Amino acid sequence: MVIFEFPSMDAIHAFWGSPEYVPVKKIREGAATLDVWAVAGA
């Protein structure tokens, strides 16, 4: 289990859709099972 903390939901979306993250997504595909949950804080 891995937990990341982001300052906002917008920051999560910006990270997930960023061009810099594309190569990491390609490495991860087929190497792991991924279940992503985003939960807004208080």
PDB file of N, CA and C in Angstrom:
ATOM      1  N   MET A   1       0.847  -1.165   0.000  1.00  0.00           N
ATOM      2  CA  MET A   1       0.000   0.000   0.000  1.00  0.00           C
ATOM      3  C   MET A   1       0.900   1.239   0.000  1.00  0.00           C
ATOM      4  N   VAL A   2       0.521   2.181  -0.813  1.00  0.00           N
ATOM      5  CA  VAL A   2       1.231   3.457  -0.891  1.00  0.00           C
ATOM      6  C   VAL A   2       0.214   4.574  -0.712  1.00  0.00           C
ATOM      7  N   ILE A   3       0.543   5.557   0.091  1.00  0.00           N
ATOM      8  CA  ILE A   3      -0.349   6.690   0.315  1.00  0.00           C
ATOM      9  C   ILE A   3       0.393   7.969  -0.059  1.00  0.00           C
ATOM     10  N   PHE A   4      -0.224   8.766  -0.889  1.00  0.00           N
ATOM     11  CA  PHE A   4       0.308  10.076  -1.264  1.00  0.00           C
ATOM     12  C   PHE A   4      -0.630  11.150  -0.735  1.00  0.00           C
ATOM     13  N   GLU A   5      -0.085  12.273  -0.388  1.00  0.00           N
ATOM     14  CA  GLU A   5      -0.901  13.400   0.052  1.00  0.00           C
ATOM     15  C   GLU A   5      -0.682  14.559  -0.917  1.00  0.00           C
ATOM     16  N   PHE A   6      -1.779  15.121  -1.406  1.00  0.00           N
ATOM     17  CA  PHE A   6      -1.739  16.261  -2.309  1.00  0.00           C
ATOM     18  C   PHE A   6      -2.481  17.420  -1.658  1.00  0.00           C
ATOM     19  N   PRO A   7      -2.126  18.641  -1.989  1.00  0.00           N
ATOM     20  CA  PRO A   7      -2.777  19.791  -1.358  1.00  0.00           C
ATOM     21  C   PRO A   7      -4.244  19.983  -1.769  1.00  0.00           C
ATOM     22  N   SER A   8      -4.635  19.398  -2.907  1.00  0.00           N
ATOM     23  CA  SER A   8      -6.025  19.566  -3.361  1.00  0.00           C
ATOM     24  C   SER A   8      -6.351  18.496  -4.398  1.00  0.00           C
ATOM     25  N   MET A   9      -7.630  18.330  -4.681  1.00  0.00           N
ATOM     26  CA  MET A   9      -8.061  17.407  -5.736  1.00  0.00           C
ATOM     27  C   MET A   9      -7.564  17.902  -7.088  1.00  0.00           C
ATOM     28  N   ASP A  10      -7.533  19.220  -7.283  1.00  0.00           N
ATOM     29  CA  ASP A  10      -7.014  19.773  -8.537  1.00  0.00           C
ATOM     30  C   ASP A  10      -5.554  19.382  -8.739  1.00  0.00           C
ATOM     31  N   ALA A  11      -4.776  19.355  -7.657  1.00  0.00           N
ATOM     32  CA  ALA A  11      -3.364  18.968  -7.744  1.00  0.00           C
ATOM     33  C   ALA A  11      -3.224  17.499  -8.148  1.00  0.00           C
ATOM     34  N   ILE A  12      -4.124  16.652  -7.658  1.00  0.00           N
ATOM     35  CA  ILE A  12      -4.110  15.233  -8.043  1.00  0.00           C
ATOM     36  C   ILE A  12      -4.363  15.101  -9.538  1.00  0.00           C
ATOM     37  N   HIS A  13      -5.372  15.789 -10.020  1.00  0.00           N
ATOM     38  CA  HIS A  13      -5.703  15.725 -11.448  1.00  0.00           C
ATOM     39  C   HIS A  13      -4.574  16.288 -12.301  1.00  0.00           C
ATOM     40  N   ALA A  14      -3.951  17.349 -11.851  1.00  0.00           N
ATOM     41  CA  ALA A  14      -2.838  17.940 -12.593  1.00  0.00           C
ATOM     42  C   ALA A  14      -1.669  16.960 -12.668  1.00  0.00           C
ATOM     43  N   PHE A  15      -1.368  16.292 -11.566  1.00  0.00           N
ATOM     44  CA  PHE A  15      -0.290  15.302 -11.535  1.00  0.00           C
ATOM     45  C   PHE A  15      -0.610  14.135 -12.455  1.00  0.00           C
ATOM     46  N   TRP A  16      -1.803  13.577 -12.305  1.00  0.00           N
ATOM     47  CA  TRP A  16      -2.196  12.379 -13.062  1.00  0.00           C
ATOM     48  C   TRP A  16      -2.187  12.636 -14.568  1.00  0.00           C
ATOM     49  N   GLY A  17      -2.548  13.841 -14.966  1.00  0.00           N
ATOM     50  CA  GLY A  17      -2.609  14.155 -16.393  1.00  0.00           C
ATOM     51  C   GLY A  17      -1.374  14.840 -16.934  1.00  0.00           C
ATOM     52  N   SER A  18      -0.338  14.977 -16.126  1.00  0.00           N
ATOM     53  CA  SER A  18       0.843  15.723 -16.559  1.00  0.00           C
ATOM     54  C   SER A  18       1.689  14.927 -17.554  1.00  0.00           C
ATOM     55  N   PRO A  19       2.290  15.613 -18.510  1.00  0.00           N
ATOM     56  CA  PRO A  19       3.153  14.942 -19.488  1.00  0.00           C
ATOM     57  C   PRO A  19       4.364  14.270 -18.827  1.00  0.00           C
ATOM     58  N   GLU A  20       4.810  14.798 -17.703  1.00  0.00           N
ATOM     59  CA  GLU A  20       5.963  14.215 -17.009  1.00  0.00           C
ATOM     60  C   GLU A  20       5.635  12.844 -16.414  1.00  0.00           C
ATOM     61  N   TYR A  21       4.357  12.599 -16.122  1.00  0.00           N
ATOM     62  CA  TYR A  21       3.958  11.329 -15.520  1.00  0.00           C
ATOM     63  C   TYR A  21       3.733  10.233 -16.561  1.00  0.00           C
ATOM     64  N   VAL A  22       3.580  10.586 -17.811  1.00  0.00           N
ATOM     65  CA  VAL A  22       3.307   9.601 -18.871  1.00  0.00           C
ATOM     66  C   VAL A  22       4.341   8.467 -18.900  1.00  0.00           C
ATOM     67  N   PRO A  23       5.647   8.750 -18.862  1.00  0.00           N
ATOM     68  CA  PRO A  23       6.617   7.639 -18.895  1.00  0.00           C
ATOM     69  C   PRO A  23       6.501   6.702 -17.686  1.00  0.00           C
ATOM     70  N   VAL A  24       6.147   7.261 -16.538  1.00  0.00           N
ATOM     71  CA  VAL A  24       5.981   6.439 -15.334  1.00  0.00           C
ATOM     72  C   VAL A  24       4.771   5.521 -15.491  1.00  0.00           C
ATOM     73  N   LYS A  25       3.687   6.044 -16.054  1.00  0.00           N
ATOM     74  CA  LYS A  25       2.494   5.221 -16.286  1.00  0.00           C
ATOM     75  C   LYS A  25       2.840   4.037 -17.182  1.00  0.00           C
ATOM     76  N   LYS A  26       3.651   4.271 -18.215  1.00  0.00           N
ATOM     77  CA  LYS A  26       4.014   3.202 -19.142  1.00  0.00           C
ATOM     78  C   LYS A  26       4.836   2.129 -18.448  1.00  0.00           C
ATOM     79  N   ILE A  27       5.715   2.510 -17.554  1.00  0.00           N
ATOM     80  CA  ILE A  27       6.509   1.536 -16.798  1.00  0.00           C
ATOM     81  C   ILE A  27       5.602   0.714 -15.890  1.00  0.00           C
ATOM     82  N   ARG A  28       4.657   1.365 -15.259  1.00  0.00           N
ATOM     83  CA  ARG A  28       3.763   0.709 -14.304  1.00  0.00           C
ATOM     84  C   ARG A  28       2.802  -0.263 -14.989  1.00  0.00           C
ATOM     85  N   GLU A  29       2.358   0.042 -16.191  1.00  0.00           N
ATOM     86  CA  GLU A  29       1.385  -0.803 -16.888  1.00  0.00           C
ATOM     87  C   GLU A  29       1.936  -2.218 -17.048  1.00  0.00           C
ATOM     88  N   GLY A  30       1.181  -3.184 -16.619  1.00  0.00           N
ATOM     89  CA  GLY A  30       1.578  -4.575 -16.728  1.00  0.00           C
ATOM     90  C   GLY A  30       2.518  -5.030 -15.618  1.00  0.00           C
ATOM     91  N   ALA A  31       3.037  -4.097 -14.828  1.00  0.00           N
ATOM     92  CA  ALA A  31       3.966  -4.451 -13.753  1.00  0.00           C
ATOM     93  C   ALA A  31       3.273  -4.533 -12.399  1.00  0.00           C
ATOM     94  N   ALA A  32       2.092  -3.948 -12.297  1.00  0.00           N
ATOM     95  CA  ALA A  32       1.412  -3.921 -11.009  1.00  0.00           C
ATOM     96  C   ALA A  32      -0.086  -3.769 -11.219  1.00  0.00           C
ATOM     97  N   THR A  33      -0.831  -4.192 -10.223  1.00  0.00           N
ATOM     98  CA  THR A  33      -2.265  -3.941 -10.197  1.00  0.00           C
ATOM     99  C   THR A  33      -2.463  -2.650  -9.432  1.00  0.00           C
ATOM    100  N   LEU A  34      -3.248  -1.755  -9.997  1.00  0.00           N
ATOM    101  CA  LEU A  34      -3.394  -0.421  -9.403  1.00  0.00           C
ATOM    102  C   LEU A  34      -4.855  -0.160  -9.077  1.00  0.00           C
ATOM    103  N   ASP A  35      -5.100   0.220  -7.849  1.00  0.00           N
ATOM    104  CA  ASP A  35      -6.407   0.667  -7.399  1.00  0.00           C
ATOM    105  C   ASP A  35      -6.191   2.070  -6.841  1.00  0.00           C
ATOM    106  N   VAL A  36      -6.750   3.076  -7.466  1.00  0.00           N
ATOM    107  CA  VAL A  36      -6.505   4.459  -7.051  1.00  0.00           C
ATOM    108  C   VAL A  36      -7.761   5.011  -6.390  1.00  0.00           C
ATOM    109  N   TRP A  37      -7.562   5.585  -5.228  1.00  0.00           N
ATOM    110  CA  TRP A  37      -8.648   6.253  -4.496  1.00  0.00           C
ATOM    111  C   TRP A  37      -8.214   7.656  -4.198  1.00  0.00           C
ATOM    112  N   ALA A  38      -9.065   8.608  -4.400  1.00  0.00           N
ATOM    113  CA  ALA A  38      -8.807   9.996  -4.029  1.00  0.00           C
ATOM    114  C   ALA A  38      -9.884  10.415  -3.034  1.00  0.00           C
ATOM    115  N   VAL A  39      -9.453  10.880  -1.874  1.00  0.00           N
ATOM    116  CA  VAL A  39     -10.384  11.245  -0.816  1.00  0.00           C
ATOM    117  C   VAL A  39     -10.086  12.681  -0.397  1.00  0.00           C
ATOM    118  N   ALA A  40     -11.074  13.511  -0.451  1.00  0.00           N
ATOM    119  CA  ALA A  40     -10.895  14.911  -0.047  1.00  0.00           C
ATOM    120  C   ALA A  40     -10.748  14.994   1.473  1.00  0.00           C
ATOM    121  N   GLY A  41      -9.816  15.822   1.908  1.00  0.00           N
ATOM    122  CA  GLY A  41      -9.589  16.016   3.342  1.00  0.00           C
ATOM    123  C   GLY A  41     -10.544  17.035   3.926  1.00  0.00           C
ATOM    124  N   ALA A  42     -10.368  17.272   5.183  1.00  0.00           N
ATOM    125  CA  ALA A  42     -11.248  18.189   5.892  1.00  0.00           C
ATOM    126  C   ALA A  42     -10.845  19.636   5.675  1.00  0.00           C
TER     127      ALA A  42
END
